[in-house]
Amino acid sequence: MSIRDELQSFWNAYSAGDATACGAMFTADAEVHSPYAPPAVGRDAIEALHSTWTQGHAGAKEKKMTVIHAGRSGDLCWSLAAYTEGLEVGNGTSVSVFERQADGSWLIRMCSLNSTD
């Protein structure tokens, strides 16, 4: 499977909108930078941020991430993905850097959301 396909599968799971599951997709010291909130550093803060984002938003059920470009070098990889969360929440792109874990899975280490709205 190509890294693009592998990361698309990752983003498909992320798009489920479950805050706890989303938080678990980040490294313990990960960072999320977003125009929608102050930076979130660490898995717990990222889970709390996702909880806030998905609470009471119909768009959380409409979240979709589509990989535009992806690449890999050793135990690091990256993706540029388009996101859409419906009219209520917004649209944009996400640039993320992933680290391969001991079990072979990928977790997000750094994520930057960039709104197109």
PDB file of N, CA and C in Angstrom:
ATOM      1  N   MET A   1       0.849  -1.171   0.000  1.00  0.00           N
ATOM      2  CA  MET A   1       0.000   0.000   0.000  1.00  0.00           C
ATOM      3  C   MET A   1       0.897   1.239   0.000  1.00  0.00           C
ATOM      4  N   SER A   2       0.559   2.226  -0.822  1.00  0.00           N
ATOM      5  CA  SER A   2       1.341   3.454  -0.876  1.00  0.00           C
ATOM      6  C   SER A   2       1.124   4.269   0.401  1.00  0.00           C
ATOM      7  N   ILE A   3       2.049   5.168   0.677  1.00  0.00           N
ATOM      8  CA  ILE A   3       1.906   6.012   1.873  1.00  0.00           C
ATOM      9  C   ILE A   3       0.660   6.888   1.744  1.00  0.00           C
ATOM     10  N   ARG A   4       0.350   7.319   0.548  1.00  0.00           N
ATOM     11  CA  ARG A   4      -0.868   8.111   0.346  1.00  0.00           C
ATOM     12  C   ARG A   4      -2.109   7.302   0.726  1.00  0.00           C
ATOM     13  N   ASP A   5      -2.176   6.055   0.267  1.00  0.00           N
ATOM     14  CA  ASP A   5      -3.321   5.192   0.601  1.00  0.00           C
ATOM     15  C   ASP A   5      -3.367   4.895   2.099  1.00  0.00           C
ATOM     16  N   GLU A   6      -2.194   4.668   2.689  1.00  0.00           N
ATOM     17  CA  GLU A   6      -2.122   4.384   4.120  1.00  0.00           C
ATOM     18  C   GLU A   6      -2.630   5.575   4.939  1.00  0.00           C
ATOM     19  N   LEU A   7      -2.211   6.776   4.558  1.00  0.00           N
ATOM     20  CA  LEU A   7      -2.649   7.966   5.284  1.00  0.00           C
ATOM     21  C   LEU A   7      -4.113   8.293   5.001  1.00  0.00           C
ATOM     22  N   GLN A   8      -4.603   7.976   3.803  1.00  0.00           N
ATOM     23  CA  GLN A   8      -6.032   8.177   3.544  1.00  0.00           C
ATOM     24  C   GLN A   8      -6.858   7.278   4.456  1.00  0.00           C
ATOM     25  N   SER A   9      -6.421   6.036   4.653  1.00  0.00           N
ATOM     26  CA  SER A   9      -7.115   5.137   5.586  1.00  0.00           C
ATOM     27  C   SER A   9      -7.092   5.714   6.996  1.00  0.00           C
ATOM     28  N   PHE A  10      -5.950   6.278   7.395  1.00  0.00           N
ATOM     29  CA  PHE A  10      -5.821   6.921   8.701  1.00  0.00           C
ATOM     30  C   PHE A  10      -6.838   8.051   8.820  1.00  0.00           C
ATOM     31  N   TRP A  11      -6.881   8.946   7.817  1.00  0.00           N
ATOM     32  CA  TRP A  11      -7.795  10.086   7.867  1.00  0.00           C
ATOM     33  C   TRP A  11      -9.258   9.654   7.820  1.00  0.00           C
ATOM     34  N   ASN A  12      -9.556   8.561   7.123  1.00  0.00           N
ATOM     35  CA  ASN A  12     -10.933   8.055   7.111  1.00  0.00           C
ATOM     36  C   ASN A  12     -11.369   7.681   8.520  1.00  0.00           C
ATOM     37  N   ALA A  13     -10.482   7.050   9.282  1.00  0.00           N
ATOM     38  CA  ALA A  13     -10.797   6.684  10.669  1.00  0.00           C
ATOM     39  C   ALA A  13     -10.915   7.938  11.532  1.00  0.00           C
ATOM     40  N   TYR A  14     -10.055   8.904  11.296  1.00  0.00           N
ATOM     41  CA  TYR A  14     -10.080  10.159  12.043  1.00  0.00           C
ATOM     42  C   TYR A  14     -11.405  10.891  11.836  1.00  0.00           C
ATOM     43  N   SER A  15     -11.939  10.810  10.662  1.00  0.00           N
ATOM     44  CA  SER A  15     -13.153  11.544  10.303  1.00  0.00           C
ATOM     45  C   SER A  15     -14.413  11.048  11.016  1.00  0.00           C
ATOM     46  N   ALA A  16     -14.308  10.009  11.803  1.00  0.00           N
ATOM     47  CA  ALA A  16     -15.479   9.485  12.509  1.00  0.00           C
ATOM     48  C   ALA A  16     -16.038  10.491  13.517  1.00  0.00           C
ATOM     49  N   GLY A  17     -15.218  11.432  13.986  1.00  0.00           N
ATOM     50  CA  GLY A  17     -15.696  12.492  14.862  1.00  0.00           C
ATOM     51  C   GLY A  17     -15.744  12.136  16.334  1.00  0.00           C
ATOM     52  N   ASP A  18     -15.133  11.032  16.740  1.00  0.00           N
ATOM     53  CA  ASP A  18     -15.071  10.622  18.148  1.00  0.00           C
ATOM     54  C   ASP A  18     -13.852  11.291  18.770  1.00  0.00           C
ATOM     55  N   ALA A  19     -14.059  12.197  19.725  1.00  0.00           N
ATOM     56  CA  ALA A  19     -12.960  12.985  20.299  1.00  0.00           C
ATOM     57  C   ALA A  19     -11.897  12.116  20.952  1.00  0.00           C
ATOM     58  N   THR A  20     -12.304  11.086  21.673  1.00  0.00           N
ATOM     59  CA  THR A  20     -11.334  10.208  22.335  1.00  0.00           C
ATOM     60  C   THR A  20     -10.505   9.463  21.294  1.00  0.00           C
ATOM     61  N   ALA A  21     -11.161   8.950  20.270  1.00  0.00           N
ATOM     62  CA  ALA A  21     -10.446   8.239  19.209  1.00  0.00           C
ATOM     63  C   ALA A  21      -9.515   9.192  18.461  1.00  0.00           C
ATOM     64  N   CYS A  22      -9.980  10.426  18.226  1.00  0.00           N
ATOM     65  CA  CYS A  22      -9.133  11.414  17.552  1.00  0.00           C
ATOM     66  C   CYS A  22      -7.889  11.712  18.389  1.00  0.00           C
ATOM     67  N   GLY A  23      -8.063  11.925  19.677  1.00  0.00           N
ATOM     68  CA  GLY A  23      -6.932  12.199  20.556  1.00  0.00           C
ATOM     69  C   GLY A  23      -5.905  11.086  20.536  1.00  0.00           C
ATOM     70  N   ALA A  24      -6.369   9.850  20.443  1.00  0.00           N
ATOM     71  CA  ALA A  24      -5.475   8.686  20.439  1.00  0.00           C
ATOM     72  C   ALA A  24      -4.674   8.576  19.147  1.00  0.00           C
ATOM     73  N   MET A  25      -5.005   9.377  18.146  1.00  0.00           N
ATOM     74  CA  MET A  25      -4.300   9.335  16.872  1.00  0.00           C
ATOM     75  C   MET A  25      -3.104  10.283  16.846  1.00  0.00           C
ATOM     76  N   PHE A  26      -2.813  10.907  17.998  1.00  0.00           N
ATOM     77  CA  PHE A  26      -1.708  11.851  18.125  1.00  0.00           C
ATOM     78  C   PHE A  26      -0.666  11.307  19.096  1.00  0.00           C
ATOM     79  N   THR A  27       0.603  11.689  18.905  1.00  0.00           N
ATOM     80  CA  THR A  27       1.640  11.312  19.860  1.00  0.00           C
ATOM     81  C   THR A  27       1.368  12.032  21.178  1.00  0.00           C
ATOM     82  N   ALA A  28       1.974  11.551  22.251  1.00  0.00           N
ATOM     83  CA  ALA A  28       1.750  12.128  23.586  1.00  0.00           C
ATOM     84  C   ALA A  28       2.134  13.609  23.635  1.00  0.00           C
ATOM     85  N   ASP A  29       3.130  14.023  22.836  1.00  0.00           N
ATOM     86  CA  ASP A  29       3.590  15.412  22.854  1.00  0.00           C
ATOM     87  C   ASP A  29       3.236  16.167  21.570  1.00  0.00           C
ATOM     88  N   ALA A  30       2.229  15.717  20.871  1.00  0.00           N
ATOM     89  CA  ALA A  30       1.820  16.325  19.601  1.00  0.00           C
ATOM     90  C   ALA A  30       1.332  17.759  19.791  1.00  0.00           C
ATOM     91  N   GLU A  31       1.268  18.475  18.675  1.00  0.00           N
ATOM     92  CA  GLU A  31       0.751  19.838  18.662  1.00  0.00           C
ATOM     93  C   GLU A  31      -0.253  19.993  17.534  1.00  0.00           C
ATOM     94  N   VAL A  32      -1.334  20.744  17.808  1.00  0.00           N
ATOM     95  CA  VAL A  32      -2.300  21.123  16.779  1.00  0.00           C
ATOM     96  C   VAL A  32      -2.360  22.645  16.758  1.00  0.00           C
ATOM     97  N   HIS A  33      -2.144  23.201  15.585  1.00  0.00           N
ATOM     98  CA  HIS A  33      -2.229  24.650  15.384  1.00  0.00           C
ATOM     99  C   HIS A  33      -3.380  24.906  14.423  1.00  0.00           C
ATOM    100  N   SER A  34      -4.258  25.818  14.817  1.00  0.00           N
ATOM    101  CA  SER A  34      -5.506  25.993  14.098  1.00  0.00           C
ATOM    102  C   SER A  34      -5.989  27.434  14.178  1.00  0.00           C
ATOM    103  N   PRO A  35      -6.683  27.906  13.141  1.00  0.00           N
ATOM    104  CA  PRO A  35      -7.280  29.237  13.227  1.00  0.00           C
ATOM    105  C   PRO A  35      -8.555  29.243  14.076  1.00  0.00           C
ATOM    106  N   TYR A  36      -9.002  28.067  14.511  1.00  0.00           N
ATOM    107  CA  TYR A  36     -10.256  27.936  15.244  1.00  0.00           C
ATOM    108  C   TYR A  36     -10.092  27.953  16.765  1.00  0.00           C
ATOM    109  N   ALA A  37      -8.856  27.856  17.250  1.00  0.00           N
ATOM    110  CA  ALA A  37      -8.614  27.769  18.693  1.00  0.00           C
ATOM    111  C   ALA A  37      -7.131  28.021  18.959  1.00  0.00           C
ATOM    112  N   PRO A  38      -6.777  28.306  20.225  1.00  0.00           N
ATOM    113  CA  PRO A  38      -5.360  28.411  20.567  1.00  0.00           C
ATOM    114  C   PRO A  38      -4.665  27.065  20.332  1.00  0.00           C
ATOM    115  N   PRO A  39      -3.341  27.050  20.198  1.00  0.00           N
ATOM    116  CA  PRO A  39      -2.634  25.788  20.011  1.00  0.00           C
ATOM    117  C   PRO A  39      -2.962  24.784  21.122  1.00  0.00           C
ATOM    118  N   ALA A  40      -3.058  23.531  20.736  1.00  0.00           N
ATOM    119  CA  ALA A  40      -3.256  22.439  21.694  1.00  0.00           C
ATOM    120  C   ALA A  40      -1.989  21.598  21.684  1.00  0.00           C
ATOM    121  N   VAL A  41      -1.396  21.400  22.857  1.00  0.00           N
ATOM    122  CA  VAL A  41      -0.156  20.641  22.972  1.00  0.00           C
ATOM    123  C   VAL A  41      -0.394  19.471  23.907  1.00  0.00           C
ATOM    124  N   GLY A  42      -0.088  18.267  23.415  1.00  0.00           N
ATOM    125  CA  GLY A  42      -0.278  17.051  24.199  1.00  0.00           C
ATOM    126  C   GLY A  42      -1.601  16.376  23.870  1.00  0.00           C
ATOM    127  N   ARG A  43      -1.595  15.074  23.977  1.00  0.00           N
ATOM    128  CA  ARG A  43      -2.761  14.260  23.616  1.00  0.00           C
ATOM    129  C   ARG A  43      -4.013  14.671  24.380  1.00  0.00           C
ATOM    130  N   ASP A  44      -3.909  14.922  25.685  1.00  0.00           N
ATOM    131  CA  ASP A  44      -5.092  15.295  26.474  1.00  0.00           C
ATOM    132  C   ASP A  44      -5.697  16.606  25.988  1.00  0.00           C
ATOM    133  N   ALA A  45      -4.848  17.593  25.707  1.00  0.00           N
ATOM    134  CA  ALA A  45      -5.334  18.885  25.218  1.00  0.00           C
ATOM    135  C   ALA A  45      -5.956  18.740  23.830  1.00  0.00           C
ATOM    136  N   ILE A  46      -5.383  17.893  23.015  1.00  0.00           N
ATOM    137  CA  ILE A  46      -5.910  17.669  21.668  1.00  0.00           C
ATOM    138  C   ILE A  46      -7.258  16.956  21.737  1.00  0.00           C
ATOM    139  N   GLU A  47      -7.387  15.982  22.618  1.00  0.00           N
ATOM    140  CA  GLU A  47      -8.671  15.311  22.799  1.00  0.00           C
ATOM    141  C   GLU A  47      -9.730  16.311  23.285  1.00  0.00           C
ATOM    142  N   ALA A  48      -9.372  17.164  24.237  1.00  0.00           N
ATOM    143  CA  ALA A  48     -10.312  18.168  24.745  1.00  0.00           C
ATOM    144  C   ALA A  48     -10.717  19.135  23.630  1.00  0.00           C
ATOM    145  N   LEU A  49      -9.772  19.527  22.799  1.00  0.00           N
ATOM    146  CA  LEU A  49     -10.071  20.406  21.682  1.00  0.00           C
ATOM    147  C   LEU A  49     -11.048  19.750  20.715  1.00  0.00           C
ATOM    148  N   HIS A  50     -10.790  18.487  20.382  1.00  0.00           N
ATOM    149  CA  HIS A  50     -11.700  17.773  19.484  1.00  0.00           C
ATOM    150  C   HIS A  50     -13.083  17.610  20.115  1.00  0.00           C
ATOM    151  N   SER A  51     -13.123  17.426  21.407  1.00  0.00           N
ATOM    152  CA  SER A  51     -14.408  17.318  22.097  1.00  0.00           C
ATOM    153  C   SER A  51     -15.204  18.615  21.943  1.00  0.00           C
ATOM    154  N   THR A  52     -14.517  19.738  22.103  1.00  0.00           N
ATOM    155  CA  THR A  52     -15.156  21.044  21.923  1.00  0.00           C
ATOM    156  C   THR A  52     -15.626  21.217  20.482  1.00  0.00           C
ATOM    157  N   TRP A  53     -14.780  20.829  19.542  1.00  0.00           N
ATOM    158  CA  TRP A  53     -15.124  20.996  18.128  1.00  0.00           C
ATOM    159  C   TRP A  53     -16.312  20.137  17.711  1.00  0.00           C
ATOM    160  N   THR A  54     -16.444  18.943  18.275  1.00  0.00           N
ATOM    161  CA  THR A  54     -17.508  18.033  17.834  1.00  0.00           C
ATOM    162  C   THR A  54     -18.790  18.158  18.643  1.00  0.00           C
ATOM    163  N   GLN A  55     -18.732  18.792  19.791  1.00  0.00           N
ATOM    164  CA  GLN A  55     -19.902  18.905  20.663  1.00  0.00           C
ATOM    165  C   GLN A  55     -20.953  19.820  20.042  1.00  0.00           C
ATOM    166  N   GLY A  56     -22.104  19.243  19.769  1.00  0.00           N
ATOM    167  CA  GLY A  56     -23.235  20.014  19.282  1.00  0.00           C
ATOM    168  C   GLY A  56     -23.128  20.525  17.858  1.00  0.00           C
ATOM    169  N   HIS A  57     -22.137  20.057  17.106  1.00  0.00           N
ATOM    170  CA  HIS A  57     -21.985  20.490  15.720  1.00  0.00           C
ATOM    171  C   HIS A  57     -22.465  19.406  14.777  1.00  0.00           C
ATOM    172  N   ALA A  58     -23.491  19.715  14.008  1.00  0.00           N
ATOM    173  CA  ALA A  58     -23.979  18.769  13.009  1.00  0.00           C
ATOM    174  C   ALA A  58     -22.871  18.444  12.011  1.00  0.00           C
ATOM    175  N   GLY A  59     -22.005  19.416  11.735  1.00  0.00           N
ATOM    176  CA  GLY A  59     -20.924  19.213  10.774  1.00  0.00           C
ATOM    177  C   GLY A  59     -19.935  18.151  11.191  1.00  0.00           C
ATOM    178  N   ALA A  60     -19.864  17.827  12.486  1.00  0.00           N
ATOM    179  CA  ALA A  60     -18.922  16.801  12.950  1.00  0.00           C
ATOM    180  C   ALA A  60     -19.215  15.475  12.276  1.00  0.00           C
ATOM    181  N   LYS A  61     -20.464  15.224  11.971  1.00  0.00           N
ATOM    182  CA  LYS A  61     -20.823  13.974  11.292  1.00  0.00           C
ATOM    183  C   LYS A  61     -20.498  14.032   9.808  1.00  0.00           C
ATOM    184  N   GLU A  62     -20.236  15.226   9.279  1.00  0.00           N
ATOM    185  CA  GLU A  62     -19.947  15.405   7.865  1.00  0.00           C
ATOM    186  C   GLU A  62     -18.452  15.540   7.587  1.00  0.00           C
ATOM    187  N   LYS A  63     -17.621  15.425   8.616  1.00  0.00           N
ATOM    188  CA  LYS A  63     -16.177  15.632   8.458  1.00  0.00           C
ATOM    189  C   LYS A  63     -15.611  14.664   7.427  1.00  0.00           C
ATOM    190  N   LYS A  64     -14.805  15.222   6.539  1.00  0.00           N
ATOM    191  CA  LYS A  64     -14.139  14.409   5.533  1.00  0.00           C
ATOM    192  C   LYS A  64     -12.747  14.956   5.314  1.00  0.00           C
ATOM    193  N   MET A  65     -11.771  14.066   5.285  1.00  0.00           N
ATOM    194  CA  MET A  65     -10.381  14.418   5.011  1.00  0.00           C
ATOM    195  C   MET A  65      -9.968  13.680   3.730  1.00  0.00           C
ATOM    196  N   THR A  66      -9.389  14.411   2.790  1.00  0.00           N
ATOM    197  CA  THR A  66      -8.952  13.815   1.529  1.00  0.00           C
ATOM    198  C   THR A  66      -7.494  14.159   1.295  1.00  0.00           C
ATOM    199  N   VAL A  67      -6.646  13.142   1.223  1.00  0.00           N
ATOM    200  CA  VAL A  67      -5.214  13.363   1.012  1.00  0.00           C
ATOM    201  C   VAL A  67      -4.985  13.905  -0.403  1.00  0.00           C
ATOM    202  N   ILE A  68      -4.294  15.035  -0.470  1.00  0.00           N
ATOM    203  CA  ILE A  68      -3.921  15.651  -1.751  1.00  0.00           C
ATOM    204  C   ILE A  68      -2.520  15.205  -2.143  1.00  0.00           C
ATOM    205  N   HIS A  69      -1.589  15.283  -1.190  1.00  0.00           N
ATOM    206  CA  HIS A  69      -0.198  14.854  -1.385  1.00  0.00           C
ATOM    207  C   HIS A  69       0.266  14.169  -0.113  1.00  0.00           C
ATOM    208  N   ALA A  70       1.202  13.248  -0.252  1.00  0.00           N
ATOM    209  CA  ALA A  70       1.795  12.571   0.909  1.00  0.00           C
ATOM    210  C   ALA A  70       3.198  12.128   0.538  1.00  0.00           C
ATOM    211  N   GLY A  71       4.044  12.013   1.549  1.00  0.00           N
ATOM    212  CA  GLY A  71       5.403  11.550   1.332  1.00  0.00           C
ATOM    213  C   GLY A  71       5.945  10.901   2.585  1.00  0.00           C
ATOM    214  N   ARG A  72       7.060  10.206   2.425  1.00  0.00           N
ATOM    215  CA  ARG A  72       7.640   9.482   3.560  1.00  0.00           C
ATOM    216  C   ARG A  72       9.150   9.470   3.447  1.00  0.00           C
ATOM    217  N   SER A  73       9.805   9.565   4.622  1.00  0.00           N
ATOM    218  CA  SER A  73      11.236   9.391   4.732  1.00  0.00           C
ATOM    219  C   SER A  73      11.506   8.698   6.052  1.00  0.00           C
ATOM    220  N   GLY A  74      11.915   7.446   6.003  1.00  0.00           N
ATOM    221  CA  GLY A  74      12.185   6.689   7.225  1.00  0.00           C
ATOM    222  C   GLY A  74      10.949   6.580   8.100  1.00  0.00           C
ATOM    223  N   ASP A  75      11.098   6.972   9.360  1.00  0.00           N
ATOM    224  CA  ASP A  75      10.002   6.859  10.323  1.00  0.00           C
ATOM    225  C   ASP A  75       9.144   8.118  10.410  1.00  0.00           C
ATOM    226  N   LEU A  76       9.283   9.012   9.434  1.00  0.00           N
ATOM    227  CA  LEU A  76       8.443  10.205   9.369  1.00  0.00           C
ATOM    228  C   LEU A  76       7.702  10.222   8.041  1.00  0.00           C
ATOM    229  N   CYS A  77       6.500  10.747   8.063  1.00  0.00           N
ATOM    230  CA  CYS A  77       5.779  10.978   6.825  1.00  0.00           C
ATOM    231  C   CYS A  77       4.923  12.221   7.002  1.00  0.00           C
ATOM    232  N   TRP A  78       4.343  12.702   5.930  1.00  0.00           N
ATOM    233  CA  TRP A  78       3.548  13.914   5.979  1.00  0.00           C
ATOM    234  C   TRP A  78       2.379  13.782   5.023  1.00  0.00           C
ATOM    235  N   SER A  79       1.369  14.580   5.275  1.00  0.00           N
ATOM    236  CA  SER A  79       0.264  14.664   4.329  1.00  0.00           C
ATOM    237  C   SER A  79      -0.245  16.094   4.249  1.00  0.00           C
ATOM    238  N   LEU A  80      -0.666  16.450   3.070  1.00  0.00           N
ATOM    239  CA  LEU A  80      -1.457  17.643   2.839  1.00  0.00           C
ATOM    240  C   LEU A  80      -2.843  17.105   2.508  1.00  0.00           C
ATOM    241  N   ALA A  81      -3.815  17.441   3.319  1.00  0.00           N
ATOM    242  CA  ALA A  81      -5.165  16.926   3.128  1.00  0.00           C
ATOM    243  C   ALA A  81      -6.166  18.073   3.106  1.00  0.00           C
ATOM    244  N   ALA A  82      -7.174  17.941   2.286  1.00  0.00           N
ATOM    245  CA  ALA A  82      -8.282  18.896   2.293  1.00  0.00           C
ATOM    246  C   ALA A  82      -9.285  18.400   3.325  1.00  0.00           C
ATOM    247  N   TYR A  83      -9.837  19.333   4.098  1.00  0.00           N
ATOM    248  CA  TYR A  83     -10.888  18.937   5.028  1.00  0.00           C
ATOM    249  C   TYR A  83     -12.147  19.723   4.746  1.00  0.00           C
ATOM    250  N   THR A  84     -13.254  19.078   5.006  1.00  0.00           N
ATOM    251  CA  THR A  84     -14.546  19.731   4.928  1.00  0.00           C
ATOM    252  C   THR A  84     -15.374  19.212   6.094  1.00  0.00           C
ATOM    253  N   GLU A  85     -16.065  20.114   6.732  1.00  0.00           N
ATOM    254  CA  GLU A  85     -16.878  19.741   7.885  1.00  0.00           C
ATOM    255  C   GLU A  85     -18.292  20.293   7.761  1.00  0.00           C
ATOM    256  N   GLY A  86     -18.701  20.597   6.540  1.00  0.00           N
ATOM    257  CA  GLY A  86     -20.045  21.113   6.336  1.00  0.00           C
ATOM    258  C   GLY A  86     -20.098  22.619   6.515  1.00  0.00           C
ATOM    259  N   LEU A  87     -21.208  23.191   6.163  1.00  0.00           N
ATOM    260  CA  LEU A  87     -21.361  24.644   6.186  1.00  0.00           C
ATOM    261  C   LEU A  87     -21.202  25.251   7.566  1.00  0.00           C
ATOM    262  N   GLU A  88     -21.609  24.525   8.609  1.00  0.00           N
ATOM    263  CA  GLU A  88     -21.578  25.079   9.966  1.00  0.00           C
ATOM    264  C   GLU A  88     -20.168  25.264  10.496  1.00  0.00           C
ATOM    265  N   VAL A  89     -19.249  24.393  10.092  1.00  0.00           N
ATOM    266  CA  VAL A  89     -17.912  24.383  10.685  1.00  0.00           C
ATOM    267  C   VAL A  89     -16.858  24.986   9.772  1.00  0.00           C
ATOM    268  N   GLY A  90     -16.717  24.500   8.555  1.00  0.00           N
ATOM    269  CA  GLY A  90     -15.739  25.096   7.665  1.00  0.00           C
ATOM    270  C   GLY A  90     -14.975  24.113   6.811  1.00  0.00           C
ATOM    271  N   ASN A  91     -14.081  24.672   6.006  1.00  0.00           N
ATOM    272  CA  ASN A  91     -13.285  23.914   5.054  1.00  0.00           C
ATOM    273  C   ASN A  91     -11.868  24.466   5.046  1.00  0.00           C
ATOM    274  N   GLY A  92     -10.928  23.643   4.584  1.00  0.00           N
ATOM    275  CA  GLY A  92      -9.556  24.102   4.489  1.00  0.00           C
ATOM    276  C   GLY A  92      -8.608  22.973   4.163  1.00  0.00           C
ATOM    277  N   THR A  93      -7.352  23.170   4.531  1.00  0.00           N
ATOM    278  CA  THR A  93      -6.329  22.148   4.345  1.00  0.00           C
ATOM    279  C   THR A  93      -5.634  21.877   5.676  1.00  0.00           C
ATOM    280  N   SER A  94      -5.066  20.710   5.754  1.00  0.00           N
ATOM    281  CA  SER A  94      -4.323  20.302   6.937  1.00  0.00           C
ATOM    282  C   SER A  94      -2.965  19.763   6.491  1.00  0.00           C
ATOM    283  N   VAL A  95      -1.912  20.286   7.095  1.00  0.00           N
ATOM    284  CA  VAL A  95      -0.571  19.752   6.877  1.00  0.00           C
ATOM    285  C   VAL A  95      -0.189  19.043   8.170  1.00  0.00           C
ATOM    286  N   SER A  96       0.130  17.762   8.057  1.00  0.00           N
ATOM    287  CA  SER A  96       0.440  16.966   9.250  1.00  0.00           C
ATOM    288  C   SER A  96       1.716  16.175   9.048  1.00  0.00           C
ATOM    289  N   VAL A  97       2.496  16.074  10.124  1.00  0.00           N
ATOM    290  CA  VAL A  97       3.691  15.239  10.157  1.00  0.00           C
ATOM    291  C   VAL A  97       3.392  14.077  11.098  1.00  0.00           C
ATOM    292  N   PHE A  98       3.681  12.878  10.647  1.00  0.00           N
ATOM    293  CA  PHE A  98       3.409  11.655  11.389  1.00  0.00           C
ATOM    294  C   PHE A  98       4.716  10.979  11.790  1.00  0.00           C
ATOM    295  N   GLU A  99       4.688  10.264  12.911  1.00  0.00           N
ATOM    296  CA  GLU A  99       5.823   9.437  13.347  1.00  0.00           C
ATOM    297  C   GLU A  99       5.371   7.987  13.383  1.00  0.00           C
ATOM    298  N   ARG A 100       6.222   7.106  12.816  1.00  0.00           N
ATOM    299  CA  ARG A 100       5.927   5.670  12.877  1.00  0.00           C
ATOM    300  C   ARG A 100       6.197   5.187  14.294  1.00  0.00           C
ATOM    301  N   GLN A 101       5.269   4.396  14.818  1.00  0.00           N
ATOM    302  CA  GLN A 101       5.379   3.857  16.167  1.00  0.00           C
ATOM    303  C   GLN A 101       6.024   2.477  16.133  1.00  0.00           C
ATOM    304  N   ALA A 102       6.419   1.957  17.268  1.00  0.00           N
ATOM    305  CA  ALA A 102       7.096   0.662  17.363  1.00  0.00           C
ATOM    306  C   ALA A 102       6.260  -0.462  16.745  1.00  0.00           C
ATOM    307  N   ASP A 103       4.931  -0.337  16.824  1.00  0.00           N
ATOM    308  CA  ASP A 103       4.064  -1.377  16.260  1.00  0.00           C
ATOM    309  C   ASP A 103       3.811  -1.201  14.764  1.00  0.00           C
ATOM    310  N   GLY A 104       4.443  -0.188  14.153  1.00  0.00           N
ATOM    311  CA  GLY A 104       4.300   0.047  12.720  1.00  0.00           C
ATOM    312  C   GLY A 104       3.199   1.039  12.359  1.00  0.00           C
ATOM    313  N   SER A 105       2.390   1.436  13.313  1.00  0.00           N
ATOM    314  CA  SER A 105       1.314   2.383  13.029  1.00  0.00           C
ATOM    315  C   SER A 105       1.868   3.807  12.962  1.00  0.00           C
ATOM    316  N   TRP A 106       1.059   4.722  12.455  1.00  0.00           N
ATOM    317  CA  TRP A 106       1.424   6.132  12.387  1.00  0.00           C
ATOM    318  C   TRP A 106       0.608   6.919  13.381  1.00  0.00           C
ATOM    319  N   LEU A 107       1.228   7.906  14.034  1.00  0.00           N
ATOM    320  CA  LEU A 107       0.526   8.875  14.875  1.00  0.00           C
ATOM    321  C   LEU A 107       0.944  10.266  14.441  1.00  0.00           C
ATOM    322  N   ILE A 108       0.036  11.214  14.576  1.00  0.00           N
ATOM    323  CA  ILE A 108       0.325  12.592  14.202  1.00  0.00           C
ATOM    324  C   ILE A 108       1.216  13.238  15.263  1.00  0.00           C
ATOM    325  N   ARG A 109       2.271  13.876  14.834  1.00  0.00           N
ATOM    326  CA  ARG A 109       3.190  14.589  15.730  1.00  0.00           C
ATOM    327  C   ARG A 109       2.924  16.095  15.692  1.00  0.00           C
ATOM    328  N   MET A 110       2.582  16.609  14.512  1.00  0.00           N
ATOM    329  CA  MET A 110       2.344  18.036  14.335  1.00  0.00           C
ATOM    330  C   MET A 110       1.268  18.205  13.277  1.00  0.00           C
ATOM    331  N   CYS A 111       0.299  19.068  13.570  1.00  0.00           N
ATOM    332  CA  CYS A 111      -0.798  19.298  12.642  1.00  0.00           C
ATOM    333  C   CYS A 111      -1.098  20.789  12.575  1.00  0.00           C
ATOM    334  N   SER A 112      -1.230  21.294  11.358  1.00  0.00           N
ATOM    335  CA  SER A 112      -1.611  22.692  11.144  1.00  0.00           C
ATOM    336  C   SER A 112      -2.850  22.718  10.269  1.00  0.00           C
ATOM    337  N   LEU A 113      -3.917  23.301  10.799  1.00  0.00           N
ATOM    338  CA  LEU A 113      -5.152  23.476  10.031  1.00  0.00           C
ATOM    339  C   LEU A 113      -5.145  24.864   9.422  1.00  0.00           C
ATOM    340  N   ASN A 114      -5.585  24.972   8.190  1.00  0.00           N
ATOM    341  CA  ASN A 114      -5.563  26.231   7.471  1.00  0.00           C
ATOM    342  C   ASN A 114      -6.911  26.425   6.789  1.00  0.00           C
ATOM    343  N   SER A 115      -7.693  27.368   7.295  1.00  0.00           N
ATOM    344  CA  SER A 115      -9.049  27.589   6.799  1.00  0.00           C
ATOM    345  C   SER A 115      -9.047  28.237   5.428  1.00  0.00           C
ATOM    346  N   THR A 116      -9.959  27.804   4.573  1.00  0.00           N
ATOM    347  CA  THR A 116     -10.166  28.463   3.278  1.00  0.00           C
ATOM    348  C   THR A 116     -11.443  29.300   3.315  1.00  0.00           C
ATOM    349  N   ASP A 117     -12.099  29.354   4.463  1.00  0.00           N
ATOM    350  CA  ASP A 117     -13.337  30.130   4.595  1.00  0.00           C
ATOM    351  C   ASP A 117     -13.038  31.554   5.023  1.00  0.00           C
TER     352      ASP A 117
END
